[in-house]
Structures are given as structure tokens and as C-alpha cells.
Amino acid sequence: MKKYLGAAIAAASTAALVSLVAPSALGGTATNAVVVPRGQPVQIAFTADTTEGPFFAEVTASIEDAIQMAIEEHPTIRGFGLQVNDVETSCGGDNTSSATAIVSNTQDTAVLGNICSAGMVSALPIYEAAGVVTISGSATNSSLPSLGPTVFNRTVVVSDAAGDAGDIWASQVAQLPSVLEWEQEFEAEFGTAPFLEPYPATYFDAASLLLSRLQQVSRVANGNLVINRAALASSVRNTTNFQGVSCTITLDPLTGNRVNDPASLASCAEN
């Protein structure tokens, strides 16, 4: 089953990337800032997939719980609560409509997702046009950064095929002591083990990173919370040595790809 998701995540050739992007997806105007009124929550979109079979529904449920755990550790942004907006998406289909719905909600500060690379292809140009940052904990295809050059980021290492360096990295991360300890906390809270590790753990890290950066760039003005989209995008993209349960996270500032750091991983495996 893990290889099934890995194949789905990686299944996007260059030709498919081009063909899945609707011309209308390239339009739109970026909004410079999100203004959260006093008493309202900071909103984050999550790209759920609950209608394409039990496998993806179970993956979605574990990721949602992982995001909840991250919010429990950081429940407010400068005193403003948090709200996750689940938006139904497709793992391998055209997500033009769902991505448009996300960016049309001008209160959505960022996106956690998409879950699969193929499903992200049609969404990323829409996020890019709107300046909406996205952090995926599972979409591994190497072609994605070009579709969201300023907004795309991921807390997993690039992987295009079973057995490649990124796939080996995922297997190693799943066995880290920090991940195994986090799994115990997850199971104690939700009564079941996280499904398809290390992806729930890397989404916990994606959510934690996003919350940290929202705290960093946001400002209170006249009782409202103001979040500059460009500042948020820059802050996320320039992440170095962020401590996650999946070891320290550094993103390539040119691509948003997580840097594969064997020395750091080896150190985390010893702790």
C-alpha cells in the first residue's frame, strides 16, 4: 500500500503536467495580505481526499489528525485562534475547481497539501497566481517546483520512483526514534496508529513549520491580524534547520524542496 501511494505521488510526467493545467488556472490576481478581523480565526486550507476509496480516506484522516496535533501545540497566532478548512480534492485528477475555491477564500492564509503530485499539478499554478503558500508533506515529484516557483514547499525529499534516494529517505525517516515516539503520542490521542508513515509525521512537521512562520511574519494592527503573503512565502522558503519530528528541515530556497541531509538524518537516528 505504501508503494501504491508512492506511485500515485510520483505519477506525473512533464507532458501530464502541461496537459492538466487549465488555461483559466493561470489567471487571477495575488492578494498582498490577509487581514483577520478581531475575534476571527486564522484560516488554513487542507486538501482532503475522502471520496476516491478507503486508502486515500485513511491517509487523509491520519494527516488531519497530525495537523490537529500540531495546532494543539501552537493553538494561536498572536492570540488569534486557528481554523482548518478541508477542501475535497483528487489525488490524480484535475483540481482546478478545488484550488480556485481555496484561493477564492481570501482568508485562507496557506495550503497544507496537496497529498499527491499528480493532483497538485493543476492546483499549483492557481496557488502561485494568488500568492498562496503551500507546504506538502507527501507530494514528491521532481517536476512540481516549476509550477509554483514562489509558493511551493515540501517537508519530504524528492522521489520519482520506488527505490530512489527519496524513497530510501522516507523509509529511514519512518524508523527514526523521534517519529516512533510521535506515533505513540498519536495513538494515545486518537486510539489508532498513524496510517502510512512517515507521511502523517511529515504533515505534522509541515503544519508546525507553517504555524511557526505565521507567528513570525504576522502583525496586529488596529486589533486585526495582518499576514503579508509575500513575507510568509519568503519566510517558509528560507527555512533552515527547523526541528521537526522527521529530523531537522532545511528547504532549498530556489525550489522549496526539502534538502536531503544524510548527516543530519544519521544524527537523528542516534538520538
C-alpha atoms as a PDB file:
ATOM      1  CA  MET A   1       0.000   0.000   0.000  1.00  0.00           C
ATOM      2  CA  LYS A   2       2.885   2.359   0.731  1.00  0.00           C
ATOM      3  CA  LYS A   3       4.271   1.805  -2.749  1.00  0.00           C
ATOM      4  CA  TYR A   4       0.788   2.471  -4.156  1.00  0.00           C
ATOM      5  CA  LEU A   5       0.724   5.940  -2.640  1.00  0.00           C
ATOM      6  CA  GLY A   6       4.339   6.476  -3.649  1.00  0.00           C
ATOM      7  CA  ALA A   7       3.461   5.670  -7.243  1.00  0.00           C
ATOM      8  CA  ALA A   8       0.444   7.955  -7.110  1.00  0.00           C
ATOM      9  CA  ILE A   9       2.520  10.749  -5.611  1.00  0.00           C
ATOM     10  CA  ALA A  10       5.200  10.417  -8.260  1.00  0.00           C
ATOM     11  CA  ALA A  11       2.995   9.741 -11.308  1.00  0.00           C
ATOM     12  CA  ALA A  12       3.265  12.989 -13.221  1.00  0.00           C
ATOM     13  CA  SER A  13       5.339  13.213 -16.396  1.00  0.00           C
ATOM     14  CA  THR A  14       6.263  16.564 -17.884  1.00  0.00           C
ATOM     15  CA  ALA A  15       3.624  16.103 -20.565  1.00  0.00           C
ATOM     16  CA  ALA A  16       0.983  15.366 -17.948  1.00  0.00           C
ATOM     17  CA  LEU A  17       1.967  18.452 -16.004  1.00  0.00           C
ATOM     18  CA  VAL A  18       1.261  20.650 -19.017  1.00  0.00           C
ATOM     19  CA  SER A  19      -1.944  18.934 -20.100  1.00  0.00           C
ATOM     20  CA  LEU A  20      -3.584  19.085 -16.667  1.00  0.00           C
ATOM     21  CA  VAL A  21      -3.176  22.832 -16.229  1.00  0.00           C
ATOM     22  CA  ALA A  22      -6.289  24.591 -17.453  1.00  0.00           C
ATOM     23  CA  PRO A  23      -5.628  27.952 -19.150  1.00  0.00           C
ATOM     24  CA  SER A  24      -8.002  29.615 -16.687  1.00  0.00           C
ATOM     25  CA  ALA A  25      -5.789  28.451 -13.831  1.00  0.00           C
ATOM     26  CA  LEU A  26      -3.064  30.843 -14.911  1.00  0.00           C
ATOM     27  CA  GLY A  27      -5.207  33.916 -14.359  1.00  0.00           C
ATOM     28  CA  GLY A  28      -6.070  35.653 -11.122  1.00  0.00           C
ATOM     29  CA  THR A  29      -4.627  38.422  -9.042  1.00  0.00           C
ATOM     30  CA  ALA A  30      -2.452  37.944  -5.998  1.00  0.00           C
ATOM     31  CA  THR A  31      -3.744  39.441  -2.751  1.00  0.00           C
ATOM     32  CA  ASN A  32      -0.897  41.116  -0.874  1.00  0.00           C
ATOM     33  CA  ALA A  33      -2.161  40.453   2.632  1.00  0.00           C
ATOM     34  CA  VAL A  34      -4.678  38.533   4.675  1.00  0.00           C
ATOM     35  CA  VAL A  35      -6.438  40.637   7.296  1.00  0.00           C
ATOM     36  CA  VAL A  36      -8.036  38.564  10.044  1.00  0.00           C
ATOM     37  CA  PRO A  37     -10.649  40.610  11.938  1.00  0.00           C
ATOM     38  CA  ARG A  38     -10.526  40.742  15.708  1.00  0.00           C
ATOM     39  CA  GLY A  39     -12.221  37.666  17.172  1.00  0.00           C
ATOM     40  CA  GLN A  40     -11.959  35.621  13.972  1.00  0.00           C
ATOM     41  CA  PRO A  41      -9.635  32.634  13.425  1.00  0.00           C
ATOM     42  CA  VAL A  42      -6.610  32.359  11.177  1.00  0.00           C
ATOM     43  CA  GLN A  43      -7.696  30.034   8.375  1.00  0.00           C
ATOM     44  CA  ILE A  44      -5.594  27.336   6.702  1.00  0.00           C
ATOM     45  CA  ALA A  45      -6.758  25.111   3.841  1.00  0.00           C
ATOM     46  CA  PHE A  46      -6.130  21.360   3.789  1.00  0.00           C
ATOM     47  CA  THR A  47      -6.574  19.325   0.609  1.00  0.00           C
ATOM     48  CA  ALA A  48      -8.539  16.282   1.772  1.00  0.00           C
ATOM     49  CA  ASP A  49      -9.240  13.223  -0.397  1.00  0.00           C
ATOM     50  CA  THR A  50     -12.054  11.155   1.095  1.00  0.00           C
ATOM     51  CA  THR A  51     -14.044  10.107  -1.992  1.00  0.00           C
ATOM     52  CA  GLU A  52     -11.533   8.069  -4.012  1.00  0.00           C
ATOM     53  CA  GLY A  53     -11.543   4.943  -1.885  1.00  0.00           C
ATOM     54  CA  PRO A  54     -10.689   3.800   1.642  1.00  0.00           C
ATOM     55  CA  PHE A  55      -6.928   4.021   1.107  1.00  0.00           C
ATOM     56  CA  PHE A  56      -6.908   7.765   0.472  1.00  0.00           C
ATOM     57  CA  ALA A  57      -9.642   8.346   3.040  1.00  0.00           C
ATOM     58  CA  GLU A  58      -7.471   6.693   5.682  1.00  0.00           C
ATOM     59  CA  VAL A  59      -4.407   8.674   4.615  1.00  0.00           C
ATOM     60  CA  THR A  60      -6.483  11.854   4.809  1.00  0.00           C
ATOM     61  CA  ALA A  61      -7.778  11.016   8.293  1.00  0.00           C
ATOM     62  CA  SER A  62      -4.262  10.447   9.645  1.00  0.00           C
ATOM     63  CA  ILE A  63      -2.968  13.669   8.096  1.00  0.00           C
ATOM     64  CA  GLU A  64      -5.903  15.630   9.531  1.00  0.00           C
ATOM     65  CA  ASP A  65      -5.144  14.226  12.974  1.00  0.00           C
ATOM     66  CA  ALA A  66      -1.450  15.083  12.570  1.00  0.00           C
ATOM     67  CA  ILE A  67      -2.357  18.673  11.683  1.00  0.00           C
ATOM     68  CA  GLN A  68      -4.625  18.794  14.742  1.00  0.00           C
ATOM     69  CA  MET A  69      -1.707  17.680  16.917  1.00  0.00           C
ATOM     70  CA  ALA A  70       0.436  20.496  15.542  1.00  0.00           C
ATOM     71  CA  ILE A  71      -2.308  23.025  16.274  1.00  0.00           C
ATOM     72  CA  GLU A  72      -2.686  21.685  19.805  1.00  0.00           C
ATOM     73  CA  GLU A  73       0.993  22.505  20.361  1.00  0.00           C
ATOM     74  CA  HIS A  74       0.600  26.000  18.846  1.00  0.00           C
ATOM     75  CA  PRO A  75      -3.115  26.849  19.200  1.00  0.00           C
ATOM     76  CA  THR A  76      -2.988  30.566  18.441  1.00  0.00           C
ATOM     77  CA  ILE A  77      -1.213  33.074  16.227  1.00  0.00           C
ATOM     78  CA  ARG A  78      -0.654  36.223  18.297  1.00  0.00           C
ATOM     79  CA  GLY A  79      -3.813  35.469  20.255  1.00  0.00           C
ATOM     80  CA  PHE A  80      -5.930  34.546  17.203  1.00  0.00           C
ATOM     81  CA  GLY A  81      -7.333  31.009  17.057  1.00  0.00           C
ATOM     82  CA  LEU A  82      -6.894  28.631  14.150  1.00  0.00           C
ATOM     83  CA  GLN A  83      -9.332  27.032  11.735  1.00  0.00           C
ATOM     84  CA  VAL A  84      -8.565  24.309   9.170  1.00  0.00           C
ATOM     85  CA  ASN A  85     -10.775  24.343   6.091  1.00  0.00           C
ATOM     86  CA  ASP A  86     -10.952  20.897   4.484  1.00  0.00           C
ATOM     87  CA  VAL A  87     -11.383  21.143   0.714  1.00  0.00           C
ATOM     88  CA  GLU A  88     -12.110  17.934  -1.184  1.00  0.00           C
ATOM     89  CA  THR A  89      -9.522  17.209  -3.877  1.00  0.00           C
ATOM     90  CA  SER A  90      -8.419  14.409  -6.178  1.00  0.00           C
ATOM     91  CA  CYS A  91      -5.153  12.523  -5.859  1.00  0.00           C
ATOM     92  CA  GLY A  92      -4.636  12.194  -9.599  1.00  0.00           C
ATOM     93  CA  GLY A  93      -7.359  14.275 -11.216  1.00  0.00           C
ATOM     94  CA  ASP A  94      -7.882  17.894 -12.175  1.00  0.00           C
ATOM     95  CA  ASN A  95      -8.058  20.094  -9.060  1.00  0.00           C
ATOM     96  CA  THR A  96      -8.722  23.384 -10.812  1.00  0.00           C
ATOM     97  CA  SER A  97     -12.077  23.813  -9.049  1.00  0.00           C
ATOM     98  CA  SER A  98     -10.801  22.958  -5.574  1.00  0.00           C
ATOM     99  CA  ALA A  99      -7.732  25.165  -5.898  1.00  0.00           C
ATOM    100  CA  THR A 100      -9.885  28.016  -7.180  1.00  0.00           C
ATOM    101  CA  ALA A 101     -12.176  27.573  -4.175  1.00  0.00           C
ATOM    102  CA  ILE A 102      -9.185  27.755  -1.838  1.00  0.00           C
ATOM    103  CA  VAL A 103      -7.762  30.968  -3.265  1.00  0.00           C
ATOM    104  CA  SER A 104     -11.240  32.495  -3.616  1.00  0.00           C
ATOM    105  CA  ASN A 105     -11.493  32.378   0.167  1.00  0.00           C
ATOM    106  CA  THR A 106      -9.248  35.354   0.809  1.00  0.00           C
ATOM    107  CA  GLN A 107      -8.989  34.321   4.475  1.00  0.00           C
ATOM    108  CA  ASP A 108      -7.079  31.145   3.542  1.00  0.00           C
ATOM    109  CA  THR A 109      -3.550  32.056   4.563  1.00  0.00           C
ATOM    110  CA  ALA A 110      -1.874  28.940   3.161  1.00  0.00           C
ATOM    111  CA  VAL A 111      -2.446  25.375   1.961  1.00  0.00           C
ATOM    112  CA  LEU A 112      -1.329  22.140   3.600  1.00  0.00           C
ATOM    113  CA  GLY A 113      -1.191  19.731   0.660  1.00  0.00           C
ATOM    114  CA  ASN A 114      -1.842  18.607  -1.953  1.00  0.00           C
ATOM    115  CA  ILE A 115      -1.469  14.967  -0.986  1.00  0.00           C
ATOM    116  CA  CYS A 116      -0.400  13.605  -4.395  1.00  0.00           C
ATOM    117  CA  SER A 117       1.890  15.092  -7.015  1.00  0.00           C
ATOM    118  CA  ALA A 118      -0.441  14.374  -9.931  1.00  0.00           C
ATOM    119  CA  GLY A 119      -3.299  16.125  -8.174  1.00  0.00           C
ATOM    120  CA  MET A 120      -1.081  19.088  -7.360  1.00  0.00           C
ATOM    121  CA  VAL A 121      -0.251  19.765 -10.993  1.00  0.00           C
ATOM    122  CA  SER A 122      -3.448  21.647 -11.785  1.00  0.00           C
ATOM    123  CA  ALA A 123      -3.548  23.338  -8.379  1.00  0.00           C
ATOM    124  CA  LEU A 124      -0.062  24.818  -8.107  1.00  0.00           C
ATOM    125  CA  PRO A 125      -0.361  27.439 -10.879  1.00  0.00           C
ATOM    126  CA  ILE A 126      -3.530  28.698  -9.178  1.00  0.00           C
ATOM    127  CA  TYR A 127      -1.801  28.969  -5.798  1.00  0.00           C
ATOM    128  CA  GLU A 128       1.114  30.707  -7.494  1.00  0.00           C
ATOM    129  CA  ALA A 129      -1.083  33.263  -9.256  1.00  0.00           C
ATOM    130  CA  ALA A 130      -2.791  34.093  -5.952  1.00  0.00           C
ATOM    131  CA  GLY A 131       0.427  34.116  -3.932  1.00  0.00           C
ATOM    132  CA  VAL A 132      -0.916  31.435  -1.577  1.00  0.00           C
ATOM    133  CA  VAL A 133       1.849  29.416   0.072  1.00  0.00           C
ATOM    134  CA  THR A 134       1.574  25.635   0.050  1.00  0.00           C
ATOM    135  CA  ILE A 135       3.510  23.058   2.064  1.00  0.00           C
ATOM    136  CA  SER A 136       3.084  19.404   1.142  1.00  0.00           C
ATOM    137  CA  GLY A 137       4.170  16.548   3.336  1.00  0.00           C
ATOM    138  CA  SER A 138       3.780  13.918   0.633  1.00  0.00           C
ATOM    139  CA  ALA A 139       3.929  15.242  -2.966  1.00  0.00           C
ATOM    140  CA  THR A 140       7.423  14.170  -4.051  1.00  0.00           C
ATOM    141  CA  ASN A 141       7.599  14.558  -7.839  1.00  0.00           C
ATOM    142  CA  SER A 142      10.653  16.475  -9.036  1.00  0.00           C
ATOM    143  CA  SER A 143       8.667  18.478 -11.623  1.00  0.00           C
ATOM    144  CA  LEU A 144       6.496  20.390  -9.154  1.00  0.00           C
ATOM    145  CA  PRO A 145       8.685  23.384  -8.190  1.00  0.00           C
ATOM    146  CA  SER A 146       8.471  24.898 -11.680  1.00  0.00           C
ATOM    147  CA  LEU A 147       4.667  25.111 -11.326  1.00  0.00           C
ATOM    148  CA  GLY A 148       4.814  27.097  -8.083  1.00  0.00           C
ATOM    149  CA  PRO A 149       8.192  28.837  -8.169  1.00  0.00           C
ATOM    150  CA  THR A 150       7.493  31.180  -5.247  1.00  0.00           C
ATOM    151  CA  VAL A 151       4.856  29.331  -3.211  1.00  0.00           C
ATOM    152  CA  PHE A 152       5.625  25.586  -3.392  1.00  0.00           C
ATOM    153  CA  ASN A 153       7.386  23.873  -0.482  1.00  0.00           C
ATOM    154  CA  ARG A 154       7.576  20.343   0.888  1.00  0.00           C
ATOM    155  CA  THR A 155       8.721  18.580   4.027  1.00  0.00           C
ATOM    156  CA  VAL A 156       9.544  15.391   2.129  1.00  0.00           C
ATOM    157  CA  VAL A 157      12.519  14.680  -0.115  1.00  0.00           C
ATOM    158  CA  VAL A 158      12.097  14.462  -3.902  1.00  0.00           C
ATOM    159  CA  SER A 159      11.248  10.949  -5.082  1.00  0.00           C
ATOM    160  CA  ASP A 160      10.190   9.874  -8.558  1.00  0.00           C
ATOM    161  CA  ALA A 161      10.443   6.102  -8.303  1.00  0.00           C
ATOM    162  CA  ALA A 162      10.479   3.260  -5.810  1.00  0.00           C
ATOM    163  CA  GLY A 163      13.992   2.630  -4.551  1.00  0.00           C
ATOM    164  CA  ASP A 164      15.403   6.057  -5.406  1.00  0.00           C
ATOM    165  CA  ALA A 165      17.129   8.304  -2.859  1.00  0.00           C
ATOM    166  CA  GLY A 166      13.895   9.968  -1.751  1.00  0.00           C
ATOM    167  CA  ASP A 167      12.120   6.653  -1.296  1.00  0.00           C
ATOM    168  CA  ILE A 168      15.003   5.347   0.801  1.00  0.00           C
ATOM    169  CA  TRP A 169      14.913   8.591   2.820  1.00  0.00           C
ATOM    170  CA  ALA A 170      11.205   8.070   3.590  1.00  0.00           C
ATOM    171  CA  SER A 171      11.862   4.544   4.840  1.00  0.00           C
ATOM    172  CA  GLN A 172      14.659   5.790   7.082  1.00  0.00           C
ATOM    173  CA  VAL A 173      12.572   8.641   8.478  1.00  0.00           C
ATOM    174  CA  ALA A 174       9.754   6.237   9.342  1.00  0.00           C
ATOM    175  CA  GLN A 175      12.145   4.454  11.718  1.00  0.00           C
ATOM    176  CA  LEU A 176      13.592   7.480  13.481  1.00  0.00           C
ATOM    177  CA  PRO A 177      13.242   7.399  17.291  1.00  0.00           C
ATOM    178  CA  SER A 178      11.536  10.802  17.186  1.00  0.00           C
ATOM    179  CA  VAL A 179       8.961   9.524  14.695  1.00  0.00           C
ATOM    180  CA  LEU A 180       8.326   6.347  16.672  1.00  0.00           C
ATOM    181  CA  GLU A 181       7.824   8.401  19.830  1.00  0.00           C
ATOM    182  CA  TRP A 182       5.468  10.754  17.988  1.00  0.00           C
ATOM    183  CA  GLU A 183       3.492   7.736  16.729  1.00  0.00           C
ATOM    184  CA  GLN A 184       2.942   6.646  20.326  1.00  0.00           C
ATOM    185  CA  GLU A 185       1.588  10.099  21.189  1.00  0.00           C
ATOM    186  CA  PHE A 186      -0.634   9.984  18.105  1.00  0.00           C
ATOM    187  CA  GLU A 187      -2.050   6.582  19.029  1.00  0.00           C
ATOM    188  CA  ALA A 188      -2.599   7.647  22.649  1.00  0.00           C
ATOM    189  CA  GLU A 189      -4.636  10.627  21.463  1.00  0.00           C
ATOM    190  CA  PHE A 190      -6.616   9.115  18.597  1.00  0.00           C
ATOM    191  CA  GLY A 191      -6.782   5.434  19.527  1.00  0.00           C
ATOM    192  CA  THR A 192      -5.138   4.230  16.341  1.00  0.00           C
ATOM    193  CA  ALA A 193      -1.678   4.318  14.814  1.00  0.00           C
ATOM    194  CA  PRO A 194      -0.980   6.866  12.048  1.00  0.00           C
ATOM    195  CA  PHE A 195      -1.544   5.372   8.621  1.00  0.00           C
ATOM    196  CA  LEU A 196       1.276   5.203   6.090  1.00  0.00           C
ATOM    197  CA  GLU A 197       4.212   6.680   7.923  1.00  0.00           C
ATOM    198  CA  PRO A 198       6.205   8.806   7.533  1.00  0.00           C
ATOM    199  CA  TYR A 199       3.601  10.989   5.782  1.00  0.00           C
ATOM    200  CA  PRO A 200       1.459  11.874   8.809  1.00  0.00           C
ATOM    201  CA  ALA A 201       4.686  12.834  10.618  1.00  0.00           C
ATOM    202  CA  THR A 202       5.872  14.973   7.704  1.00  0.00           C
ATOM    203  CA  TYR A 203       2.464  16.697   7.660  1.00  0.00           C
ATOM    204  CA  PHE A 204       2.784  17.341  11.383  1.00  0.00           C
ATOM    205  CA  ASP A 205       6.084  18.998  10.520  1.00  0.00           C
ATOM    206  CA  ALA A 206       4.517  20.897   7.603  1.00  0.00           C
ATOM    207  CA  ALA A 207       1.793  22.264   9.873  1.00  0.00           C
ATOM    208  CA  SER A 208       4.267  23.077  12.650  1.00  0.00           C
ATOM    209  CA  LEU A 209       6.524  24.909  10.207  1.00  0.00           C
ATOM    210  CA  LEU A 210       3.605  26.885   8.800  1.00  0.00           C
ATOM    211  CA  LEU A 211       2.370  27.894  12.253  1.00  0.00           C
ATOM    212  CA  SER A 212       5.859  28.978  13.252  1.00  0.00           C
ATOM    213  CA  ARG A 213       6.201  31.151  10.147  1.00  0.00           C
ATOM    214  CA  LEU A 214       2.715  32.633  10.554  1.00  0.00           C
ATOM    215  CA  GLN A 215       3.694  33.661  14.069  1.00  0.00           C
ATOM    216  CA  GLN A 216       6.933  35.115  12.739  1.00  0.00           C
ATOM    217  CA  VAL A 217       5.540  37.315   9.953  1.00  0.00           C
ATOM    218  CA  SER A 218       2.110  38.336  11.284  1.00  0.00           C
ATOM    219  CA  ARG A 219       1.410  41.651  12.983  1.00  0.00           C
ATOM    220  CA  VAL A 220      -1.523  43.037  14.968  1.00  0.00           C
ATOM    221  CA  ALA A 221      -2.817  46.355  13.623  1.00  0.00           C
ATOM    222  CA  ASN A 222      -5.909  48.119  14.958  1.00  0.00           C
ATOM    223  CA  GLY A 223      -6.961  44.883  16.647  1.00  0.00           C
ATOM    224  CA  ASN A 224      -6.749  42.857  13.418  1.00  0.00           C
ATOM    225  CA  LEU A 225      -4.105  40.302  12.468  1.00  0.00           C
ATOM    226  CA  VAL A 226      -2.283  41.165   9.243  1.00  0.00           C
ATOM    227  CA  ILE A 227      -0.358  38.480   7.345  1.00  0.00           C
ATOM    228  CA  ASN A 228       1.675  39.582   4.338  1.00  0.00           C
ATOM    229  CA  ARG A 229       1.598  36.809   1.754  1.00  0.00           C
ATOM    230  CA  ALA A 230       4.980  37.628   0.235  1.00  0.00           C
ATOM    231  CA  ALA A 231       6.615  37.741   3.665  1.00  0.00           C
ATOM    232  CA  LEU A 232       5.068  34.387   4.556  1.00  0.00           C
ATOM    233  CA  ALA A 233       6.253  32.844   1.283  1.00  0.00           C
ATOM    234  CA  SER A 234       9.780  34.135   1.844  1.00  0.00           C
ATOM    235  CA  SER A 235       9.859  33.009   5.463  1.00  0.00           C
ATOM    236  CA  VAL A 236       8.754  29.471   4.632  1.00  0.00           C
ATOM    237  CA  ARG A 237      11.051  29.164   1.618  1.00  0.00           C
ATOM    238  CA  ASN A 238      14.103  30.275   3.584  1.00  0.00           C
ATOM    239  CA  THR A 239      13.682  27.658   6.297  1.00  0.00           C
ATOM    240  CA  THR A 240      16.930  26.258   7.686  1.00  0.00           C
ATOM    241  CA  ASN A 241      17.412  23.706  10.462  1.00  0.00           C
ATOM    242  CA  PHE A 242      13.791  23.709  11.585  1.00  0.00           C
ATOM    243  CA  GLN A 243      13.414  20.969  14.186  1.00  0.00           C
ATOM    244  CA  GLY A 244      10.678  18.546  13.190  1.00  0.00           C
ATOM    245  CA  VAL A 245       9.815  15.057  14.331  1.00  0.00           C
ATOM    246  CA  SER A 246      11.188  13.892  10.958  1.00  0.00           C
ATOM    247  CA  CYS A 247      14.587  15.432  11.832  1.00  0.00           C
ATOM    248  CA  THR A 248      15.829  18.930  11.026  1.00  0.00           C
ATOM    249  CA  ILE A 249      14.287  20.557   7.954  1.00  0.00           C
ATOM    250  CA  THR A 250      16.077  22.829   5.526  1.00  0.00           C
ATOM    251  CA  LEU A 251      14.383  23.911   2.312  1.00  0.00           C
ATOM    252  CA  ASP A 252      16.178  24.751  -0.909  1.00  0.00           C
ATOM    253  CA  PRO A 253      15.498  28.496  -1.333  1.00  0.00           C
ATOM    254  CA  LEU A 254      15.325  28.112  -5.108  1.00  0.00           C
ATOM    255  CA  THR A 255      12.816  25.253  -5.252  1.00  0.00           C
ATOM    256  CA  GLY A 256      11.171  24.726  -1.865  1.00  0.00           C
ATOM    257  CA  ASN A 257      12.411  21.130  -1.914  1.00  0.00           C
ATOM    258  CA  ARG A 258      13.458  19.624   1.388  1.00  0.00           C
ATOM    259  CA  VAL A 259      17.217  19.127   1.391  1.00  0.00           C
ATOM    260  CA  ASN A 260      18.266  15.511   1.725  1.00  0.00           C
ATOM    261  CA  ASP A 261      20.805  15.706   4.568  1.00  0.00           C
ATOM    262  CA  PRO A 262      22.243  12.250   5.358  1.00  0.00           C
ATOM    263  CA  ALA A 263      24.482  13.556   8.150  1.00  0.00           C
ATOM    264  CA  SER A 264      21.562  15.168   9.959  1.00  0.00           C
ATOM    265  CA  LEU A 265      19.441  12.060   9.442  1.00  0.00           C
ATOM    266  CA  ALA A 266      22.174   9.855  10.862  1.00  0.00           C
ATOM    267  CA  SER A 267      22.406  12.105  13.912  1.00  0.00           C
ATOM    268  CA  CYS A 268      18.634  11.962  14.422  1.00  0.00           C
ATOM    269  CA  ALA A 269      18.719   8.165  14.130  1.00  0.00           C
ATOM    270  CA  GLU A 270      21.136   8.021  17.079  1.00  0.00           C
ATOM    271  CA  ASN A 271      19.001  10.185  19.371  1.00  0.00           C
END
